[in-house]
């Protein structure tokens, strides 16, 4: 059974930084890809970033501002968000899938999400 628990959301001012955490439990951590997605009110879910080993992938809207990383000992994936903007507001979800393709497709396990609100 796979469990994903996000934390670290809240209210942040535009231009500031915030770090989200996603704790994973289930199969061996090395066998899964962890991704971050977000969904703003009235909008479709958007791919933010994903990580497999040392390989990473980012959505166009966050590339250069957000950094995804993982601590294998803690089975935790982090999303460091720098220079946040009001458009970054939304519920952030982490998700997991088998270690196949490092992309935004095929995630079959999801956390409950954590709210991020960026004030202007």
N, C-alpha and C. Protein backbone atom coordinates (compact mmCIF):
# COMPACT_ATOMS: atom_id res chain seq x y z
N UNK A 1 0.84 -1.19 0.00
CA UNK A 1 0.00 0.00 0.00
C UNK A 1 0.88 1.25 0.00
N UNK A 2 0.52 2.20 -0.83
CA UNK A 2 1.28 3.43 -0.95
C UNK A 2 0.55 4.56 -0.22
N UNK A 3 1.30 5.29 0.59
CA UNK A 3 0.76 6.46 1.27
C UNK A 3 1.67 7.65 1.00
N UNK A 4 1.03 8.78 0.74
CA UNK A 4 1.75 10.02 0.49
C UNK A 4 1.14 11.10 1.37
N UNK A 5 1.99 11.83 2.08
CA UNK A 5 1.50 12.87 2.98
C UNK A 5 2.26 14.16 2.73
N UNK A 6 1.52 15.17 2.30
CA UNK A 6 2.13 16.47 2.03
C UNK A 6 2.06 17.36 3.27
N UNK A 7 3.00 18.28 3.35
CA UNK A 7 2.98 19.29 4.41
C UNK A 7 3.77 20.50 3.94
N UNK A 8 3.63 21.60 4.67
CA UNK A 8 4.42 22.79 4.39
C UNK A 8 3.69 23.91 3.70
N UNK A 9 2.43 23.70 3.35
CA UNK A 9 1.68 24.76 2.70
C UNK A 9 1.29 25.86 3.67
N UNK A 10 0.67 26.90 3.12
CA UNK A 10 0.23 28.02 3.95
C UNK A 10 0.16 29.28 3.12
N UNK A 11 0.22 30.41 3.82
CA UNK A 11 0.16 31.71 3.17
C UNK A 11 1.56 32.29 3.05
N UNK A 12 1.89 32.78 1.87
CA UNK A 12 3.21 33.35 1.62
C UNK A 12 3.04 34.57 0.73
N UNK A 13 3.94 35.52 0.88
CA UNK A 13 3.87 36.73 0.07
C UNK A 13 4.61 36.53 -1.25
N UNK A 14 4.13 37.21 -2.26
CA UNK A 14 4.78 37.14 -3.56
C UNK A 14 6.25 37.52 -3.43
N UNK A 15 7.09 36.77 -4.09
CA UNK A 15 8.52 37.00 -4.05
C UNK A 15 9.25 36.21 -2.99
N UNK A 16 8.51 35.66 -2.03
CA UNK A 16 9.12 34.87 -0.96
C UNK A 16 9.29 33.41 -1.38
N UNK A 17 9.76 32.62 -0.43
CA UNK A 17 10.02 31.20 -0.68
C UNK A 17 9.20 30.33 0.27
N UNK A 18 9.01 29.10 -0.16
CA UNK A 18 8.28 28.12 0.66
C UNK A 18 8.77 26.74 0.25
N UNK A 19 8.79 25.82 1.22
CA UNK A 19 9.18 24.45 0.90
C UNK A 19 8.08 23.49 1.32
N UNK A 20 7.70 22.67 0.38
CA UNK A 20 6.72 21.61 0.63
C UNK A 20 7.44 20.29 0.80
N UNK A 21 6.84 19.41 1.61
CA UNK A 21 7.39 18.08 1.83
C UNK A 21 6.34 17.04 1.50
N UNK A 22 6.82 15.91 1.03
CA UNK A 22 5.96 14.77 0.72
C UNK A 22 6.62 13.52 1.28
N UNK A 23 6.00 12.94 2.30
CA UNK A 23 6.54 11.73 2.90
C UNK A 23 5.87 10.52 2.25
N UNK A 24 6.70 9.57 1.84
CA UNK A 24 6.24 8.38 1.11
C UNK A 24 6.37 7.15 1.98
N UNK A 25 5.39 6.26 1.89
CA UNK A 25 5.53 4.93 2.48
C UNK A 25 4.93 3.93 1.51
N UNK A 26 5.55 2.74 1.47
CA UNK A 26 5.08 1.73 0.56
C UNK A 26 6.24 0.93 0.01
N UNK A 27 6.24 0.62 -1.29
CA UNK A 27 7.32 -0.15 -1.91
C UNK A 27 8.66 0.56 -1.74
N UNK A 28 9.76 -0.11 -2.05
CA UNK A 28 11.07 0.55 -1.96
C UNK A 28 11.09 1.89 -2.69
N UNK A 29 11.59 2.89 -2.03
CA UNK A 29 11.55 4.27 -2.54
C UNK A 29 12.23 4.39 -3.89
N UNK A 30 13.25 3.59 -4.11
CA UNK A 30 14.00 3.69 -5.36
C UNK A 30 13.22 3.20 -6.56
N UNK A 31 12.09 2.54 -6.32
CA UNK A 31 11.32 1.98 -7.42
C UNK A 31 10.20 2.90 -7.90
N UNK A 32 10.09 4.09 -7.31
CA UNK A 32 8.98 4.97 -7.68
C UNK A 32 9.49 6.33 -8.13
N UNK A 33 8.69 6.94 -8.96
CA UNK A 33 8.87 8.34 -9.34
C UNK A 33 7.85 9.15 -8.52
N UNK A 34 8.30 10.23 -7.95
CA UNK A 34 7.41 11.13 -7.20
C UNK A 34 7.24 12.42 -7.98
N UNK A 35 6.02 12.83 -8.12
CA UNK A 35 5.72 14.07 -8.81
C UNK A 35 4.94 15.03 -7.94
N UNK A 36 5.06 16.29 -8.29
CA UNK A 36 4.22 17.33 -7.67
C UNK A 36 3.30 17.91 -8.73
N UNK A 37 2.06 18.09 -8.35
CA UNK A 37 1.06 18.71 -9.20
C UNK A 37 0.36 19.79 -8.39
N UNK A 38 -0.32 20.67 -9.07
CA UNK A 38 -1.11 21.68 -8.36
C UNK A 38 -2.40 21.94 -9.12
N UNK A 39 -3.38 22.41 -8.36
CA UNK A 39 -4.66 22.74 -8.97
C UNK A 39 -5.21 24.00 -8.34
N UNK A 40 -5.42 25.00 -9.17
CA UNK A 40 -6.01 26.26 -8.73
C UNK A 40 -7.52 26.18 -8.92
N UNK A 41 -8.28 26.97 -8.17
CA UNK A 41 -9.74 26.97 -8.32
C UNK A 41 -10.16 27.25 -9.75
N UNK A 42 -11.01 26.40 -10.28
CA UNK A 42 -11.52 26.60 -11.62
C UNK A 42 -10.57 26.22 -12.74
N UNK A 43 -9.41 25.68 -12.39
CA UNK A 43 -8.43 25.31 -13.40
C UNK A 43 -8.13 23.82 -13.36
N UNK A 44 -7.57 23.32 -14.43
CA UNK A 44 -7.19 21.91 -14.47
C UNK A 44 -5.91 21.69 -13.66
N UNK A 45 -5.74 20.46 -13.25
CA UNK A 45 -4.53 20.10 -12.54
C UNK A 45 -3.32 20.30 -13.44
N UNK A 46 -2.26 20.82 -12.87
CA UNK A 46 -1.06 21.18 -13.63
C UNK A 46 0.16 20.45 -13.08
N UNK A 47 0.97 19.93 -13.96
CA UNK A 47 2.22 19.28 -13.57
C UNK A 47 3.22 20.33 -13.11
N UNK A 48 3.86 20.07 -11.98
CA UNK A 48 4.85 21.00 -11.44
C UNK A 48 6.26 20.45 -11.60
N UNK A 49 6.49 19.25 -11.07
CA UNK A 49 7.84 18.69 -11.11
C UNK A 49 7.78 17.21 -10.78
N UNK A 50 8.83 16.49 -11.15
CA UNK A 50 8.94 15.08 -10.82
C UNK A 50 10.41 14.73 -10.64
N UNK A 51 10.64 13.64 -9.89
CA UNK A 51 12.01 13.24 -9.62
C UNK A 51 12.13 11.73 -9.61
N UNK A 52 13.24 11.26 -10.16
CA UNK A 52 13.60 9.84 -10.17
C UNK A 52 15.10 9.78 -9.96
N UNK A 53 15.52 9.26 -8.83
CA UNK A 53 16.95 9.28 -8.55
C UNK A 53 17.45 10.71 -8.57
N UNK A 54 18.41 10.99 -9.45
CA UNK A 54 18.91 12.35 -9.59
C UNK A 54 18.31 13.06 -10.79
N UNK A 55 17.46 12.36 -11.50
CA UNK A 55 16.81 12.98 -12.64
C UNK A 55 15.58 13.76 -12.24
N UNK A 56 15.39 14.92 -12.86
CA UNK A 56 14.24 15.77 -12.54
C UNK A 56 13.58 16.28 -13.81
N UNK A 57 12.32 16.66 -13.66
CA UNK A 57 11.58 17.27 -14.75
C UNK A 57 10.69 18.35 -14.15
N UNK A 58 10.46 19.41 -14.93
CA UNK A 58 9.69 20.55 -14.42
C UNK A 58 8.66 21.01 -15.44
N UNK A 59 7.56 21.55 -14.91
CA UNK A 59 6.60 22.20 -15.76
C UNK A 59 7.14 23.56 -16.21
N UNK A 60 6.67 24.03 -17.34
CA UNK A 60 7.19 25.27 -17.91
C UNK A 60 7.00 26.47 -16.99
N UNK A 61 5.90 26.49 -16.28
CA UNK A 61 5.58 27.68 -15.49
C UNK A 61 6.43 27.82 -14.22
N UNK A 62 7.14 26.76 -13.83
CA UNK A 62 7.92 26.82 -12.59
C UNK A 62 9.41 26.63 -12.83
N UNK A 63 9.78 26.24 -14.03
CA UNK A 63 11.19 25.99 -14.33
C UNK A 63 12.03 27.22 -14.02
N UNK A 64 13.10 26.99 -13.26
CA UNK A 64 13.99 28.08 -12.87
C UNK A 64 13.65 28.70 -11.53
N UNK A 65 12.44 28.44 -11.04
CA UNK A 65 12.03 28.99 -9.73
C UNK A 65 11.85 27.89 -8.68
N UNK A 66 11.39 26.74 -9.09
CA UNK A 66 11.12 25.63 -8.17
C UNK A 66 12.20 24.57 -8.35
N UNK A 67 12.51 23.88 -7.25
CA UNK A 67 13.47 22.79 -7.27
C UNK A 67 12.90 21.60 -6.52
N UNK A 68 12.93 20.45 -7.16
CA UNK A 68 12.48 19.22 -6.51
C UNK A 68 13.71 18.43 -6.08
N UNK A 69 13.62 17.82 -4.91
CA UNK A 69 14.74 17.01 -4.41
C UNK A 69 14.16 15.89 -3.55
N UNK A 70 15.01 14.92 -3.24
CA UNK A 70 14.53 13.80 -2.43
C UNK A 70 15.59 13.39 -1.42
N UNK A 71 15.11 12.95 -0.27
CA UNK A 71 15.97 12.39 0.77
C UNK A 71 15.58 10.93 0.89
N UNK A 72 16.41 10.05 0.36
CA UNK A 72 16.06 8.64 0.33
C UNK A 72 15.99 8.02 1.72
N UNK A 73 16.81 8.49 2.62
CA UNK A 73 16.79 7.94 3.99
C UNK A 73 15.46 8.27 4.68
N UNK A 74 14.94 9.46 4.42
CA UNK A 74 13.68 9.88 5.04
C UNK A 74 12.47 9.56 4.17
N UNK A 75 12.70 9.02 2.99
CA UNK A 75 11.62 8.74 2.04
C UNK A 75 10.75 9.98 1.86
N UNK A 76 11.40 11.08 1.64
CA UNK A 76 10.71 12.36 1.53
C UNK A 76 11.17 13.09 0.28
N UNK A 77 10.22 13.69 -0.39
CA UNK A 77 10.50 14.54 -1.55
C UNK A 77 10.11 15.96 -1.19
N UNK A 78 10.98 16.89 -1.56
CA UNK A 78 10.75 18.30 -1.25
C UNK A 78 10.49 19.09 -2.53
N UNK A 79 9.72 20.13 -2.39
CA UNK A 79 9.54 21.09 -3.47
C UNK A 79 9.88 22.47 -2.91
N UNK A 80 11.05 22.96 -3.29
CA UNK A 80 11.48 24.28 -2.88
C UNK A 80 10.95 25.28 -3.89
N UNK A 81 10.13 26.20 -3.42
CA UNK A 81 9.51 27.18 -4.29
C UNK A 81 10.09 28.56 -3.98
N UNK A 82 10.77 29.12 -4.94
CA UNK A 82 11.37 30.44 -4.78
C UNK A 82 10.66 31.45 -5.67
N UNK A 83 10.73 32.70 -5.27
CA UNK A 83 10.11 33.81 -6.05
C UNK A 83 8.69 33.45 -6.42
N UNK A 84 7.91 33.05 -5.42
CA UNK A 84 6.54 32.63 -5.71
C UNK A 84 5.72 33.81 -6.20
N UNK A 85 4.71 33.47 -6.99
CA UNK A 85 3.83 34.47 -7.60
C UNK A 85 2.39 34.13 -7.26
N UNK A 86 1.48 35.09 -7.34
CA UNK A 86 0.07 34.78 -7.07
C UNK A 86 -0.46 33.63 -7.92
N UNK A 87 0.04 33.47 -9.14
CA UNK A 87 -0.40 32.37 -10.00
C UNK A 87 0.05 31.01 -9.48
N UNK A 88 0.92 30.99 -8.50
CA UNK A 88 1.34 29.72 -7.90
C UNK A 88 0.34 29.23 -6.85
N UNK A 89 -0.66 30.02 -6.57
CA UNK A 89 -1.69 29.64 -5.60
C UNK A 89 -2.45 28.41 -6.07
N UNK A 90 -2.68 27.49 -5.13
CA UNK A 90 -3.44 26.29 -5.45
C UNK A 90 -3.21 25.21 -4.41
N UNK A 91 -3.87 24.08 -4.62
CA UNK A 91 -3.62 22.91 -3.79
C UNK A 91 -2.52 22.10 -4.46
N UNK A 92 -1.49 21.82 -3.71
CA UNK A 92 -0.35 21.06 -4.22
C UNK A 92 -0.44 19.62 -3.76
N UNK A 93 -0.36 18.73 -4.73
CA UNK A 93 -0.44 17.30 -4.47
C UNK A 93 0.87 16.64 -4.83
N UNK A 94 1.28 15.66 -4.04
CA UNK A 94 2.35 14.80 -4.52
C UNK A 94 1.73 13.47 -4.94
N UNK A 95 2.40 12.83 -5.87
CA UNK A 95 1.87 11.61 -6.45
C UNK A 95 3.02 10.67 -6.74
N UNK A 96 2.70 9.39 -6.87
CA UNK A 96 3.72 8.39 -7.11
C UNK A 96 3.30 7.46 -8.22
N UNK A 97 4.29 6.94 -8.94
CA UNK A 97 4.06 5.92 -9.95
C UNK A 97 5.30 5.06 -10.02
N UNK A 98 5.17 3.92 -10.68
CA UNK A 98 6.32 3.04 -10.85
C UNK A 98 7.40 3.74 -11.66
N UNK A 99 8.62 3.35 -11.40
CA UNK A 99 9.79 3.97 -12.02
C UNK A 99 9.90 3.57 -13.49
N UNK A 100 9.19 4.32 -14.33
CA UNK A 100 9.25 4.04 -15.77
C UNK A 100 9.70 5.32 -16.49
N UNK A 101 8.73 6.18 -16.81
CA UNK A 101 9.06 7.41 -17.52
C UNK A 101 8.99 8.61 -16.58
N UNK A 102 9.99 9.47 -16.63
CA UNK A 102 10.01 10.68 -15.82
C UNK A 102 9.21 11.75 -16.56
N UNK A 103 7.89 11.72 -16.34
CA UNK A 103 7.04 12.70 -17.00
C UNK A 103 5.80 12.95 -16.15
N UNK A 104 4.80 13.55 -16.74
CA UNK A 104 3.61 13.96 -15.98
C UNK A 104 2.45 12.99 -16.13
N UNK A 105 2.70 11.79 -16.65
CA UNK A 105 1.62 10.85 -16.92
C UNK A 105 1.70 9.62 -16.03
N UNK A 106 0.52 9.02 -15.81
CA UNK A 106 0.49 7.69 -15.23
C UNK A 106 0.63 7.59 -13.73
N UNK A 107 0.44 8.67 -12.99
CA UNK A 107 0.55 8.62 -11.54
C UNK A 107 -0.72 7.98 -10.97
N UNK A 108 -0.54 6.97 -10.13
CA UNK A 108 -1.71 6.25 -9.67
C UNK A 108 -1.88 6.26 -8.15
N UNK A 109 -1.03 7.00 -7.46
CA UNK A 109 -1.20 7.16 -6.02
C UNK A 109 -1.04 8.65 -5.71
N UNK A 110 -1.95 9.17 -4.91
CA UNK A 110 -1.99 10.61 -4.65
C UNK A 110 -2.14 10.89 -3.16
N UNK A 111 -1.53 12.00 -2.76
CA UNK A 111 -1.74 12.48 -1.41
C UNK A 111 -3.00 13.34 -1.34
N UNK A 112 -3.28 13.84 -0.15
CA UNK A 112 -4.48 14.64 0.06
C UNK A 112 -4.31 16.09 -0.35
N UNK A 113 -3.09 16.54 -0.48
CA UNK A 113 -2.84 17.90 -0.92
C UNK A 113 -2.60 18.87 0.22
N UNK A 114 -1.91 19.95 -0.10
CA UNK A 114 -1.66 21.01 0.86
C UNK A 114 -1.87 22.34 0.15
N UNK A 115 -2.58 23.25 0.80
CA UNK A 115 -2.94 24.52 0.19
C UNK A 115 -1.78 25.50 0.26
N UNK A 116 -1.51 26.12 -0.87
CA UNK A 116 -0.53 27.21 -0.94
C UNK A 116 -1.26 28.44 -1.45
N UNK A 117 -1.15 29.52 -0.70
CA UNK A 117 -1.77 30.77 -1.11
C UNK A 117 -0.71 31.86 -1.15
N UNK A 118 -0.57 32.48 -2.31
CA UNK A 118 0.43 33.53 -2.49
C UNK A 118 -0.30 34.86 -2.56
N UNK A 119 0.02 35.74 -1.65
CA UNK A 119 -0.62 37.06 -1.63
C UNK A 119 0.24 38.06 -2.39
N UNK A 120 -0.41 38.98 -3.06
CA UNK A 120 0.32 39.96 -3.88
C UNK A 120 0.66 41.20 -3.06
